[in-house]
């Protein structure tokens, strides 16, 4: 029973983002080996997490209309299709799209879509 609960805790920790685990009692040499092994992986994980947070922050700065345009843009829709679906003029879509691109700091539509994907929304 104890082994099963320990295994469940380890699985839950890994699913929550733990990179490894150590059994008790911890031996100093084992701790050092584990830390040196995990350092590059932890840095990579932290960098990826920062990218997600930055992308989410940028997307949160968008207005509702700009987010709708981003959604339709991510689906591959043209300005005319977006205008038709949102029941606004194509010129209004262009304005929302330009504002969205500026707020996201994107030069191309592909960059805006990449940010949306990075945000994992």
PDB file of N, CA and C in Angstrom:
ATOM      1  N   UNK A   1       0.823  -1.194   0.000  1.00  0.00           N
ATOM      2  CA  UNK A   1       0.000   0.000   0.000  1.00  0.00           C
ATOM      3  C   UNK A   1       0.866   1.257   0.000  1.00  0.00           C
ATOM      4  N   UNK A   2       1.913   1.282   0.822  1.00  0.00           N
ATOM      5  CA  UNK A   2       2.789   2.449   0.906  1.00  0.00           C
ATOM      6  C   UNK A   2       3.511   2.684  -0.413  1.00  0.00           C
ATOM      7  N   UNK A   3       3.964   1.622  -1.042  1.00  0.00           N
ATOM      8  CA  UNK A   3       4.672   1.740  -2.324  1.00  0.00           C
ATOM      9  C   UNK A   3       3.729   2.300  -3.380  1.00  0.00           C
ATOM     10  N   UNK A   4       2.475   1.852  -3.371  1.00  0.00           N
ATOM     11  CA  UNK A   4       1.492   2.337  -4.327  1.00  0.00           C
ATOM     12  C   UNK A   4       1.251   3.835  -4.140  1.00  0.00           C
ATOM     13  N   UNK A   5       1.093   4.286  -2.886  1.00  0.00           N
ATOM     14  CA  UNK A   5       0.887   5.707  -2.623  1.00  0.00           C
ATOM     15  C   UNK A   5       2.096   6.523  -3.024  1.00  0.00           C
ATOM     16  N   UNK A   6       3.290   5.993  -2.771  1.00  0.00           N
ATOM     17  CA  UNK A   6       4.518   6.686  -3.178  1.00  0.00           C
ATOM     18  C   UNK A   6       4.558   6.833  -4.695  1.00  0.00           C
ATOM     19  N   UNK A   7       4.237   5.758  -5.414  1.00  0.00           N
ATOM     20  CA  UNK A   7       4.227   5.806  -6.875  1.00  0.00           C
ATOM     21  C   UNK A   7       3.189   6.804  -7.374  1.00  0.00           C
ATOM     22  N   UNK A   8       2.021   6.836  -6.737  1.00  0.00           N
ATOM     23  CA  UNK A   8       0.990   7.799  -7.118  1.00  0.00           C
ATOM     24  C   UNK A   8       1.474   9.229  -6.916  1.00  0.00           C
ATOM     25  N   UNK A   9       2.142   9.486  -5.796  1.00  0.00           N
ATOM     26  CA  UNK A   9       2.668  10.826  -5.517  1.00  0.00           C
ATOM     27  C   UNK A   9       3.726  11.228  -6.532  1.00  0.00           C
ATOM     28  N   UNK A  10       4.584  10.287  -6.897  1.00  0.00           N
ATOM     29  CA  UNK A  10       5.628  10.577  -7.885  1.00  0.00           C
ATOM     30  C   UNK A  10       4.996  10.904  -9.236  1.00  0.00           C
ATOM     31  N   UNK A  11       4.022  10.109  -9.654  1.00  0.00           N
ATOM     32  CA  UNK A  11       3.345  10.345 -10.932  1.00  0.00           C
ATOM     33  C   UNK A  11       2.653  11.706 -10.907  1.00  0.00           C
ATOM     34  N   UNK A  12       1.970  12.029  -9.817  1.00  0.00           N
ATOM     35  CA  UNK A  12       1.281  13.322  -9.709  1.00  0.00           C
ATOM     36  C   UNK A  12       2.281  14.473  -9.768  1.00  0.00           C
ATOM     37  N   UNK A  13       3.427  14.305  -9.108  1.00  0.00           N
ATOM     38  CA  UNK A  13       4.446  15.357  -9.118  1.00  0.00           C
ATOM     39  C   UNK A  13       5.016  15.561 -10.521  1.00  0.00           C
ATOM     40  N   UNK A  14       5.293  14.477 -11.230  1.00  0.00           N
ATOM     41  CA  UNK A  14       5.825  14.576 -12.594  1.00  0.00           C
ATOM     42  C   UNK A  14       4.797  15.254 -13.499  1.00  0.00           C
ATOM     43  N   UNK A  15       3.519  14.880 -13.369  1.00  0.00           N
ATOM     44  CA  UNK A  15       2.468  15.511 -14.178  1.00  0.00           C
ATOM     45  C   UNK A  15       2.345  16.992 -13.869  1.00  0.00           C
ATOM     46  N   UNK A  16       2.644  17.377 -12.619  1.00  0.00           N
ATOM     47  CA  UNK A  16       2.554  18.778 -12.222  1.00  0.00           C
ATOM     48  C   UNK A  16       3.775  19.584 -12.633  1.00  0.00           C
ATOM     49  N   UNK A  17       4.795  18.914 -13.181  1.00  0.00           N
ATOM     50  CA  UNK A  17       5.951  19.650 -13.683  1.00  0.00           C
ATOM     51  C   UNK A  17       7.273  19.305 -13.030  1.00  0.00           C
ATOM     52  N   UNK A  18       7.281  18.382 -12.066  1.00  0.00           N
ATOM     53  CA  UNK A  18       8.546  17.980 -11.452  1.00  0.00           C
ATOM     54  C   UNK A  18       9.429  17.329 -12.518  1.00  0.00           C
ATOM     55  N   UNK A  19      10.700  17.602 -12.476  1.00  0.00           N
ATOM     56  CA  UNK A  19      11.620  17.068 -13.478  1.00  0.00           C
ATOM     57  C   UNK A  19      12.209  15.719 -13.061  1.00  0.00           C
ATOM     58  N   UNK A  20      12.222  15.434 -11.775  1.00  0.00           N
ATOM     59  CA  UNK A  20      12.756  14.174 -11.254  1.00  0.00           C
ATOM     60  C   UNK A  20      12.323  14.049  -9.804  1.00  0.00           C
ATOM     61  N   UNK A  21      12.713  12.953  -9.174  1.00  0.00           N
ATOM     62  CA  UNK A  21      12.434  12.769  -7.759  1.00  0.00           C
ATOM     63  C   UNK A  21      13.621  12.060  -7.124  1.00  0.00           C
ATOM     64  N   UNK A  22      13.738  12.191  -5.816  1.00  0.00           N
ATOM     65  CA  UNK A  22      14.789  11.526  -5.053  1.00  0.00           C
ATOM     66  C   UNK A  22      14.134  10.738  -3.927  1.00  0.00           C
ATOM     67  N   UNK A  23      14.598   9.516  -3.724  1.00  0.00           N
ATOM     68  CA  UNK A  23      14.086   8.698  -2.629  1.00  0.00           C
ATOM     69  C   UNK A  23      14.822   9.073  -1.348  1.00  0.00           C
ATOM     70  N   UNK A  24      14.123   9.002  -0.237  1.00  0.00           N
ATOM     71  CA  UNK A  24      14.727   9.286   1.059  1.00  0.00           C
ATOM     72  C   UNK A  24      15.342   8.017   1.619  1.00  0.00           C
ATOM     73  N   UNK A  25      16.386   8.039   2.345  1.00  0.00           N
ATOM     74  CA  UNK A  25      17.202   9.210   2.662  1.00  0.00           C
ATOM     75  C   UNK A  25      18.042   9.629   1.459  1.00  0.00           C
ATOM     76  N   UNK A  26      18.276  10.920   1.333  1.00  0.00           N
ATOM     77  CA  UNK A  26      19.025  11.459   0.194  1.00  0.00           C
ATOM     78  C   UNK A  26      20.513  11.386   0.502  1.00  0.00           C
ATOM     79  N   UNK A  27      21.248  10.824  -0.434  1.00  0.00           N
ATOM     80  CA  UNK A  27      22.708  10.755  -0.306  1.00  0.00           C
ATOM     81  C   UNK A  27      23.295  11.972  -1.011  1.00  0.00           C
ATOM     82  N   UNK A  28      24.275  12.639  -0.395  1.00  0.00           N
ATOM     83  CA  UNK A  28      24.836  13.870  -0.982  1.00  0.00           C
ATOM     84  C   UNK A  28      25.325  13.703  -2.419  1.00  0.00           C
ATOM     85  N   UNK A  29      26.007  12.603  -2.727  1.00  0.00           N
ATOM     86  CA  UNK A  29      26.515  12.411  -4.086  1.00  0.00           C
ATOM     87  C   UNK A  29      25.378  12.209  -5.082  1.00  0.00           C
ATOM     88  N   UNK A  30      24.319  11.528  -4.642  1.00  0.00           N
ATOM     89  CA  UNK A  30      23.147  11.332  -5.500  1.00  0.00           C
ATOM     90  C   UNK A  30      22.456  12.670  -5.765  1.00  0.00           C
ATOM     91  N   UNK A  31      22.361  13.516  -4.743  1.00  0.00           N
ATOM     92  CA  UNK A  31      21.757  14.840  -4.893  1.00  0.00           C
ATOM     93  C   UNK A  31      22.544  15.681  -5.890  1.00  0.00           C
ATOM     94  N   UNK A  32      23.863  15.688  -5.782  1.00  0.00           N
ATOM     95  CA  UNK A  32      24.703  16.469  -6.696  1.00  0.00           C
ATOM     96  C   UNK A  32      24.570  15.979  -8.135  1.00  0.00           C
ATOM     97  N   UNK A  33      24.563  14.655  -8.328  1.00  0.00           N
ATOM     98  CA  UNK A  33      24.407  14.095  -9.679  1.00  0.00           C
ATOM     99  C   UNK A  33      23.061  14.490 -10.284  1.00  0.00           C
ATOM    100  N   UNK A  34      22.018  14.388  -9.464  1.00  0.00           N
ATOM    101  CA  UNK A  34      20.674  14.725  -9.950  1.00  0.00           C
ATOM    102  C   UNK A  34      20.582  16.200 -10.305  1.00  0.00           C
ATOM    103  N   UNK A  35      21.117  17.059  -9.446  1.00  0.00           N
ATOM    104  CA  UNK A  35      21.069  18.499  -9.720  1.00  0.00           C
ATOM    105  C   UNK A  35      21.851  18.862 -10.971  1.00  0.00           C
ATOM    106  N   UNK A  36      23.018  18.285 -11.154  1.00  0.00           N
ATOM    107  CA  UNK A  36      23.814  18.604 -12.353  1.00  0.00           C
ATOM    108  C   UNK A  36      23.130  18.085 -13.615  1.00  0.00           C
ATOM    109  N   UNK A  37      22.425  16.960 -13.499  1.00  0.00           N
ATOM    110  CA  UNK A  37      21.698  16.411 -14.646  1.00  0.00           C
ATOM    111  C   UNK A  37      20.488  17.279 -14.995  1.00  0.00           C
ATOM    112  N   UNK A  38      19.834  17.821 -13.974  1.00  0.00           N
ATOM    113  CA  UNK A  38      18.600  18.565 -14.193  1.00  0.00           C
ATOM    114  C   UNK A  38      18.809  20.036 -14.535  1.00  0.00           C
ATOM    115  N   UNK A  39      19.973  20.580 -14.263  1.00  0.00           N
ATOM    116  CA  UNK A  39      20.195  22.019 -14.473  1.00  0.00           C
ATOM    117  C   UNK A  39      19.869  22.476 -15.891  1.00  0.00           C
ATOM    118  N   UNK A  40      20.418  21.825 -16.930  1.00  0.00           N
ATOM    119  CA  UNK A  40      20.082  22.279 -18.294  1.00  0.00           C
ATOM    120  C   UNK A  40      18.591  22.118 -18.612  1.00  0.00           C
ATOM    121  N   UNK A  41      17.996  21.029 -18.144  1.00  0.00           N
ATOM    122  CA  UNK A  41      16.580  20.789 -18.391  1.00  0.00           C
ATOM    123  C   UNK A  41      15.724  21.830 -17.674  1.00  0.00           C
ATOM    124  N   UNK A  42      16.126  22.191 -16.464  1.00  0.00           N
ATOM    125  CA  UNK A  42      15.378  23.195 -15.696  1.00  0.00           C
ATOM    126  C   UNK A  42      15.471  24.561 -16.372  1.00  0.00           C
ATOM    127  N   UNK A  43      16.636  24.899 -16.908  1.00  0.00           N
ATOM    128  CA  UNK A  43      16.794  26.171 -17.617  1.00  0.00           C
ATOM    129  C   UNK A  43      15.918  26.213 -18.858  1.00  0.00           C
ATOM    130  N   UNK A  44      15.882  25.106 -19.582  1.00  0.00           N
ATOM    131  CA  UNK A  44      15.054  25.024 -20.785  1.00  0.00           C
ATOM    132  C   UNK A  44      13.567  25.135 -20.420  1.00  0.00           C
ATOM    133  N   UNK A  45      13.173  24.458 -19.350  1.00  0.00           N
ATOM    134  CA  UNK A  45      11.790  24.519 -18.883  1.00  0.00           C
ATOM    135  C   UNK A  45      11.419  25.939 -18.475  1.00  0.00           C
ATOM    136  N   UNK A  46      12.310  26.609 -17.756  1.00  0.00           N
ATOM    137  CA  UNK A  46      12.053  27.982 -17.306  1.00  0.00           C
ATOM    138  C   UNK A  46      11.930  28.930 -18.503  1.00  0.00           C
ATOM    139  N   UNK A  47      12.777  28.752 -19.502  1.00  0.00           N
ATOM    140  CA  UNK A  47      12.715  29.586 -20.704  1.00  0.00           C
ATOM    141  C   UNK A  47      11.386  29.383 -21.437  1.00  0.00           C
ATOM    142  N   UNK A  48      10.981  28.129 -21.577  1.00  0.00           N
ATOM    143  CA  UNK A  48       9.705  27.833 -22.243  1.00  0.00           C
ATOM    144  C   UNK A  48       8.543  28.429 -21.456  1.00  0.00           C
ATOM    145  N   UNK A  49       8.611  28.336 -20.153  1.00  0.00           N
ATOM    146  CA  UNK A  49       7.548  28.892 -19.304  1.00  0.00           C
ATOM    147  C   UNK A  49       7.478  30.414 -19.434  1.00  0.00           C
ATOM    148  N   UNK A  50       8.653  31.057 -19.500  1.00  0.00           N
ATOM    149  CA  UNK A  50       8.674  32.516 -19.677  1.00  0.00           C
ATOM    150  C   UNK A  50       8.063  32.916 -21.010  1.00  0.00           C
ATOM    151  N   UNK A  51       8.320  32.117 -22.073  1.00  0.00           N
ATOM    152  CA  UNK A  51       7.731  32.410 -23.383  1.00  0.00           C
ATOM    153  C   UNK A  51       6.202  32.316 -23.333  1.00  0.00           C
ATOM    154  N   UNK A  52       5.692  31.312 -22.626  1.00  0.00           N
ATOM    155  CA  UNK A  52       4.238  31.154 -22.492  1.00  0.00           C
ATOM    156  C   UNK A  52       3.654  32.353 -21.753  1.00  0.00           C
ATOM    157  N   UNK A  53       4.282  32.749 -20.657  1.00  0.00           N
ATOM    158  CA  UNK A  53       3.789  33.876 -19.865  1.00  0.00           C
ATOM    159  C   UNK A  53       3.824  35.165 -20.673  1.00  0.00           C
ATOM    160  N   UNK A  54       4.924  35.391 -21.392  1.00  0.00           N
ATOM    161  CA  UNK A  54       5.046  36.607 -22.215  1.00  0.00           C
ATOM    162  C   UNK A  54       3.978  36.626 -23.308  1.00  0.00           C
ATOM    163  N   UNK A  55       3.763  35.483 -23.965  1.00  0.00           N
ATOM    164  CA  UNK A  55       2.746  35.412 -25.020  1.00  0.00           C
ATOM    165  C   UNK A  55       1.356  35.674 -24.440  1.00  0.00           C
ATOM    166  N   UNK A  56       1.065  35.097 -23.283  1.00  0.00           N
ATOM    167  CA  UNK A  56      -0.243  35.319 -22.649  1.00  0.00           C
ATOM    168  C   UNK A  56      -0.431  36.776 -22.267  1.00  0.00           C
ATOM    169  N   UNK A  57       0.617  37.391 -21.737  1.00  0.00           N
ATOM    170  CA  UNK A  57       0.524  38.810 -21.368  1.00  0.00           C
ATOM    171  C   UNK A  57       0.222  39.677 -22.581  1.00  0.00           C
ATOM    172  N   UNK A  58       0.878  39.384 -23.692  1.00  0.00           N
ATOM    173  CA  UNK A  58       0.631  40.165 -24.907  1.00  0.00           C
ATOM    174  C   UNK A  58      -0.798  39.974 -25.393  1.00  0.00           C
ATOM    175  N   UNK A  59      -1.266  38.740 -25.393  1.00  0.00           N
ATOM    176  CA  UNK A  59      -2.619  38.457 -25.879  1.00  0.00           C
ATOM    177  C   UNK A  59      -3.665  39.059 -24.944  1.00  0.00           C
ATOM    178  N   UNK A  60      -3.383  39.071 -23.647  1.00  0.00           N
ATOM    179  CA  UNK A  60      -4.322  39.682 -22.696  1.00  0.00           C
ATOM    180  C   UNK A  60      -4.467  41.185 -22.920  1.00  0.00           C
ATOM    181  N   UNK A  61      -3.477  41.799 -23.560  1.00  0.00           N
ATOM    182  CA  UNK A  61      -3.557  43.239 -23.821  1.00  0.00           C
ATOM    183  C   UNK A  61      -4.500  43.567 -24.970  1.00  0.00           C
ATOM    184  N   UNK A  62      -4.955  42.555 -25.706  1.00  0.00           N
ATOM    185  CA  UNK A  62      -5.834  42.775 -26.854  1.00  0.00           C
ATOM    186  C   UNK A  62      -7.265  43.054 -26.412  1.00  0.00           C
ATOM    187  N   UNK A  63      -7.952  43.877 -27.193  1.00  0.00           N
ATOM    188  CA  UNK A  63      -9.383  44.099 -26.956  1.00  0.00           C
ATOM    189  C   UNK A  63     -10.149  42.853 -27.416  1.00  0.00           C
ATOM    190  N   UNK A  64     -11.418  42.806 -27.090  1.00  0.00           N
ATOM    191  CA  UNK A  64     -12.246  41.674 -27.507  1.00  0.00           C
ATOM    192  C   UNK A  64     -12.292  41.512 -29.015  1.00  0.00           C
ATOM    193  N   UNK A  65     -12.445  42.620 -29.710  1.00  0.00           N
ATOM    194  CA  UNK A  65     -12.497  42.562 -31.181  1.00  0.00           C
ATOM    195  C   UNK A  65     -11.167  42.098 -31.762  1.00  0.00           C
ATOM    196  N   UNK A  66     -10.074  42.584 -31.184  1.00  0.00           N
ATOM    197  CA  UNK A  66      -8.744  42.180 -31.664  1.00  0.00           C
ATOM    198  C   UNK A  66      -8.512  40.689 -31.421  1.00  0.00           C
ATOM    199  N   UNK A  67      -9.000  40.174 -30.300  1.00  0.00           N
ATOM    200  CA  UNK A  67      -8.881  38.738 -30.031  1.00  0.00           C
ATOM    201  C   UNK A  67      -9.700  37.925 -31.028  1.00  0.00           C
ATOM    202  N   UNK A  68     -10.896  38.421 -31.364  1.00  0.00           N
ATOM    203  CA  UNK A  68     -11.714  37.721 -32.358  1.00  0.00           C
ATOM    204  C   UNK A  68     -11.000  37.676 -33.699  1.00  0.00           C
ATOM    205  N   UNK A  69     -10.400  38.793 -34.082  1.00  0.00           N
ATOM    206  CA  UNK A  69      -9.659  38.834 -35.345  1.00  0.00           C
ATOM    207  C   UNK A  69      -8.504  37.843 -35.291  1.00  0.00           C
ATOM    208  N   UNK A  70      -7.803  37.768 -34.157  1.00  0.00           N
ATOM    209  CA  UNK A  70      -6.703  36.806 -34.013  1.00  0.00           C
ATOM    210  C   UNK A  70      -7.216  35.373 -34.147  1.00  0.00           C
ATOM    211  N   UNK A  71      -8.355  35.083 -33.549  1.00  0.00           N
ATOM    212  CA  UNK A  71      -8.933  33.732 -33.652  1.00  0.00           C
ATOM    213  C   UNK A  71      -9.217  33.368 -35.106  1.00  0.00           C
ATOM    214  N   UNK A  72      -9.875  34.283 -35.814  1.00  0.00           N
ATOM    215  CA  UNK A  72     -10.207  34.020 -37.210  1.00  0.00           C
ATOM    216  C   UNK A  72      -8.951  33.962 -38.071  1.00  0.00           C
ATOM    217  N   UNK A  73      -7.989  34.815 -37.754  1.00  0.00           N
ATOM    218  CA  UNK A  73      -6.721  34.809 -38.478  1.00  0.00           C
ATOM    219  C   UNK A  73      -6.001  33.474 -38.270  1.00  0.00           C
ATOM    220  N   UNK A  74      -6.044  32.961 -37.051  1.00  0.00           N
ATOM    221  CA  UNK A  74      -5.421  31.677 -36.738  1.00  0.00           C
ATOM    222  C   UNK A  74      -6.073  30.528 -37.499  1.00  0.00           C
ATOM    223  N   UNK A  75      -7.343  30.716 -37.819  1.00  0.00           N
ATOM    224  CA  UNK A  75      -8.059  29.697 -38.582  1.00  0.00           C
ATOM    225  C   UNK A  75      -7.799  29.831 -40.084  1.00  0.00           C
ATOM    226  N   UNK A  76      -7.012  30.844 -40.465  1.00  0.00           N
ATOM    227  CA  UNK A  76      -6.652  31.018 -41.871  1.00  0.00           C
ATOM    228  C   UNK A  76      -7.620  31.873 -42.658  1.00  0.00           C
ATOM    229  N   UNK A  77      -8.480  32.612 -41.980  1.00  0.00           N
ATOM    230  CA  UNK A  77      -9.486  33.428 -42.666  1.00  0.00           C
ATOM    231  C   UNK A  77      -8.895  34.736 -43.178  1.00  0.00           C
ATOM    232  N   UNK A  78      -9.427  35.174 -44.301  1.00  0.00           N
ATOM    233  CA  UNK A  78      -9.014  36.461 -44.878  1.00  0.00           C
ATOM    234  C   UNK A  78      -9.773  37.587 -44.183  1.00  0.00           C
ATOM    235  N   UNK A  79      -9.337  38.831 -44.425  1.00  0.00           N
ATOM    236  CA  UNK A  79     -10.022  39.981 -43.848  1.00  0.00           C
ATOM    237  C   UNK A  79     -11.494  40.021 -44.268  1.00  0.00           C
ATOM    238  N   UNK A  80     -11.767  39.680 -45.513  1.00  0.00           N
ATOM    239  CA  UNK A  80     -13.152  39.707 -46.008  1.00  0.00           C
ATOM    240  C   UNK A  80     -14.010  38.677 -45.286  1.00  0.00           C
ATOM    241  N   UNK A  81     -13.466  37.491 -45.087  1.00  0.00           N
ATOM    242  CA  UNK A  81     -14.212  36.434 -44.386  1.00  0.00           C
ATOM    243  C   UNK A  81     -14.441  36.839 -42.929  1.00  0.00           C
ATOM    244  N   UNK A  82     -13.403  37.386 -42.297  1.00  0.00           N
ATOM    245  CA  UNK A  82     -13.523  37.840 -40.903  1.00  0.00           C
ATOM    246  C   UNK A  82     -14.603  38.907 -40.802  1.00  0.00           C
ATOM    247  N   UNK A  83     -14.589  39.860 -41.735  1.00  0.00           N
ATOM    248  CA  UNK A  83     -15.582  40.937 -41.739  1.00  0.00           C
ATOM    249  C   UNK A  83     -16.989  40.369 -41.864  1.00  0.00           C
ATOM    250  N   UNK A  84     -17.149  39.427 -42.757  1.00  0.00           N
ATOM    251  CA  UNK A  84     -18.458  38.819 -42.965  1.00  0.00           C
ATOM    252  C   UNK A  84     -18.922  38.088 -41.701  1.00  0.00           C
ATOM    253  N   UNK A  85     -18.024  37.318 -41.100  1.00  0.00           N
ATOM    254  CA  UNK A  85     -18.382  36.536 -39.906  1.00  0.00           C
ATOM    255  C   UNK A  85     -18.684  37.435 -38.705  1.00  0.00           C
ATOM    256  N   UNK A  86     -17.936  38.517 -38.557  1.00  0.00           N
ATOM    257  CA  UNK A  86     -18.141  39.420 -37.417  1.00  0.00           C
ATOM    258  C   UNK A  86     -19.158  40.521 -37.710  1.00  0.00           C
ATOM    259  N   UNK A  87     -19.623  40.529 -38.962  1.00  0.00           N
ATOM    260  CA  UNK A  87     -20.608  41.518 -39.411  1.00  0.00           C
ATOM    261  C   UNK A  87     -20.097  42.946 -39.204  1.00  0.00           C
ATOM    262  N   UNK A  88     -18.862  43.163 -39.657  1.00  0.00           N
ATOM    263  CA  UNK A  88     -18.257  44.499 -39.656  1.00  0.00           C
ATOM    264  C   UNK A  88     -17.626  44.717 -41.015  1.00  0.00           C
ATOM    265  N   UNK A  89     -17.179  45.926 -41.287  1.00  0.00           N
ATOM    266  CA  UNK A  89     -16.594  46.206 -42.596  1.00  0.00           C
ATOM    267  C   UNK A  89     -15.163  45.662 -42.663  1.00  0.00           C
ATOM    268  N   UNK A  90     -14.698  45.346 -43.871  1.00  0.00           N
ATOM    269  CA  UNK A  90     -13.318  44.901 -44.029  1.00  0.00           C
ATOM    270  C   UNK A  90     -12.313  45.945 -43.523  1.00  0.00           C
ATOM    271  N   UNK A  91     -12.657  47.213 -43.683  1.00  0.00           N
ATOM    272  CA  UNK A  91     -11.764  48.273 -43.189  1.00  0.00           C
ATOM    273  C   UNK A  91     -11.638  48.205 -41.665  1.00  0.00           C
ATOM    274  N   UNK A  92     -12.738  47.935 -40.978  1.00  0.00           N
ATOM    275  CA  UNK A  92     -12.705  47.806 -39.520  1.00  0.00           C
ATOM    276  C   UNK A  92     -11.838  46.611 -39.126  1.00  0.00           C
ATOM    277  N   UNK A  93     -11.932  45.528 -39.879  1.00  0.00           N
ATOM    278  CA  UNK A  93     -11.076  44.360 -39.628  1.00  0.00           C
ATOM    279  C   UNK A  93      -9.618  44.765 -39.790  1.00  0.00           C
ATOM    280  N   UNK A  94      -9.301  45.521 -40.836  1.00  0.00           N
ATOM    281  CA  UNK A  94      -7.924  45.972 -41.056  1.00  0.00           C
ATOM    282  C   UNK A  94      -7.417  46.796 -39.876  1.00  0.00           C
ATOM    283  N   UNK A  95      -8.275  47.645 -39.329  1.00  0.00           N
ATOM    284  CA  UNK A  95      -7.881  48.483 -38.187  1.00  0.00           C
ATOM    285  C   UNK A  95      -7.634  47.611 -36.956  1.00  0.00           C
ATOM    286  N   UNK A  96      -8.568  46.689 -36.682  1.00  0.00           N
ATOM    287  CA  UNK A  96      -8.382  45.785 -35.538  1.00  0.00           C
ATOM    288  C   UNK A  96      -7.119  44.941 -35.706  1.00  0.00           C
ATOM    289  N   UNK A  97      -6.910  44.496 -36.930  1.00  0.00           N
ATOM    290  CA  UNK A  97      -5.742  43.657 -37.201  1.00  0.00           C
ATOM    291  C   UNK A  97      -4.446  44.447 -37.011  1.00  0.00           C
ATOM    292  N   UNK A  98      -4.423  45.677 -37.490  1.00  0.00           N
ATOM    293  CA  UNK A  98      -3.226  46.513 -37.326  1.00  0.00           C
ATOM    294  C   UNK A  98      -2.958  46.786 -35.848  1.00  0.00           C
ATOM    295  N   UNK A  99      -4.010  47.102 -35.097  1.00  0.00           N
ATOM    296  CA  UNK A  99      -3.851  47.324 -33.654  1.00  0.00           C
ATOM    297  C   UNK A  99      -3.360  46.064 -32.951  1.00  0.00           C
ATOM    298  N   UNK A 100      -3.932  44.922 -33.330  1.00  0.00           N
ATOM    299  CA  UNK A 100      -3.541  43.635 -32.754  1.00  0.00           C
ATOM    300  C   UNK A 100      -2.068  43.362 -33.027  1.00  0.00           C
ATOM    301  N   UNK A 101      -1.647  43.561 -34.256  1.00  0.00           N
ATOM    302  CA  UNK A 101      -0.255  43.296 -34.634  1.00  0.00           C
ATOM    303  C   UNK A 101       0.691  44.200 -33.841  1.00  0.00           C
ATOM    304  N   UNK A 102       0.314  45.468 -33.671  1.00  0.00           N
ATOM    305  CA  UNK A 102       1.151  46.404 -32.923  1.00  0.00           C
ATOM    306  C   UNK A 102       1.256  45.978 -31.459  1.00  0.00           C
ATOM    307  N   UNK A 103       0.134  45.621 -30.847  1.00  0.00           N
ATOM    308  CA  UNK A 103       0.143  45.213 -29.440  1.00  0.00           C
ATOM    309  C   UNK A 103       0.938  43.926 -29.221  1.00  0.00           C
ATOM    310  N   UNK A 104       0.872  43.029 -30.192  1.00  0.00           N
ATOM    311  CA  UNK A 104       1.608  41.763 -30.074  1.00  0.00           C
ATOM    312  C   UNK A 104       3.076  41.924 -30.446  1.00  0.00           C
ATOM    313  N   UNK A 105       3.399  43.013 -31.120  1.00  0.00           N
ATOM    314  CA  UNK A 105       4.776  43.208 -31.578  1.00  0.00           C
ATOM    315  C   UNK A 105       5.121  42.286 -32.731  1.00  0.00           C
ATOM    316  N   UNK A 106       4.105  41.924 -33.502  1.00  0.00           N
ATOM    317  CA  UNK A 106       4.285  40.991 -34.622  1.00  0.00           C
ATOM    318  C   UNK A 106       4.425  41.759 -35.929  1.00  0.00           C
ATOM    319  N   UNK A 107       5.324  41.313 -36.772  1.00  0.00           N
ATOM    320  CA  UNK A 107       5.520  41.927 -38.085  1.00  0.00           C
ATOM    321  C   UNK A 107       4.645  41.267 -39.149  1.00  0.00           C
ATOM    322  N   UNK A 108       4.321  39.993 -38.931  1.00  0.00           N
ATOM    323  CA  UNK A 108       3.547  39.222 -39.900  1.00  0.00           C
ATOM    324  C   UNK A 108       2.446  38.459 -39.173  1.00  0.00           C
ATOM    325  N   UNK A 109       1.425  38.081 -39.917  1.00  0.00           N
ATOM    326  CA  UNK A 109       0.316  37.319 -39.336  1.00  0.00           C
ATOM    327  C   UNK A 109       0.822  36.008 -38.723  1.00  0.00           C
ATOM    328  N   UNK A 110       1.827  35.397 -39.343  1.00  0.00           N
ATOM    329  CA  UNK A 110       2.366  34.141 -38.819  1.00  0.00           C
ATOM    330  C   UNK A 110       2.947  34.329 -37.421  1.00  0.00           C
ATOM    331  N   UNK A 111       3.552  35.476 -37.149  1.00  0.00           N
ATOM    332  CA  UNK A 111       4.090  35.753 -35.812  1.00  0.00           C
ATOM    333  C   UNK A 111       2.965  35.860 -34.794  1.00  0.00           C
ATOM    334  N   UNK A 112       1.864  36.487 -35.181  1.00  0.00           N
ATOM    335  CA  UNK A 112       0.719  36.619 -34.282  1.00  0.00           C
ATOM    336  C   UNK A 112       0.140  35.245 -33.961  1.00  0.00           C
ATOM    337  N   UNK A 113       0.026  34.398 -34.972  1.00  0.00           N
ATOM    338  CA  UNK A 113      -0.492  33.049 -34.770  1.00  0.00           C
ATOM    339  C   UNK A 113       0.476  32.242 -33.898  1.00  0.00           C
ATOM    340  N   UNK A 114       1.778  32.401 -34.108  1.00  0.00           N
ATOM    341  CA  UNK A 114       2.777  31.706 -33.291  1.00  0.00           C
ATOM    342  C   UNK A 114       2.641  32.102 -31.830  1.00  0.00           C
ATOM    343  N   UNK A 115       2.441  33.404 -31.573  1.00  0.00           N
ATOM    344  CA  UNK A 115       2.240  33.856 -30.195  1.00  0.00           C
ATOM    345  C   UNK A 115       1.015  33.217 -29.577  1.00  0.00           C
ATOM    346  N   UNK A 116      -0.057  33.126 -30.341  1.00  0.00           N
ATOM    347  CA  UNK A 116      -1.270  32.486 -29.837  1.00  0.00           C
ATOM    348  C   UNK A 116      -0.994  31.037 -29.496  1.00  0.00           C
ATOM    349  N   UNK A 117      -0.257  30.348 -30.326  1.00  0.00           N
ATOM    350  CA  UNK A 117       0.085  28.957 -30.055  1.00  0.00           C
ATOM    351  C   UNK A 117       1.003  28.825 -28.841  1.00  0.00           C
ATOM    352  N   UNK A 118       1.972  29.742 -28.718  1.00  0.00           N
ATOM    353  CA  UNK A 118       2.865  29.718 -27.574  1.00  0.00           C
ATOM    354  C   UNK A 118       2.116  29.956 -26.271  1.00  0.00           C
ATOM    355  N   UNK A 119       1.069  30.788 -26.332  1.00  0.00           N
ATOM    356  CA  UNK A 119       0.286  31.094 -25.132  1.00  0.00           C
ATOM    357  C   UNK A 119      -0.532  29.892 -24.678  1.00  0.00           C
ATOM    358  N   UNK A 120      -0.695  28.921 -25.561  1.00  0.00           N
ATOM    359  CA  UNK A 120      -1.454  27.707 -25.271  1.00  0.00           C
ATOM    360  C   UNK A 120      -2.866  28.027 -24.787  1.00  0.00           C
ATOM    361  N   UNK A 121      -3.493  28.933 -25.517  1.00  0.00           N
ATOM    362  CA  UNK A 121      -4.876  29.323 -25.175  1.00  0.00           C
ATOM    363  C   UNK A 121      -5.855  28.619 -26.090  1.00  0.00           C
TER     364      UNK A 121
END
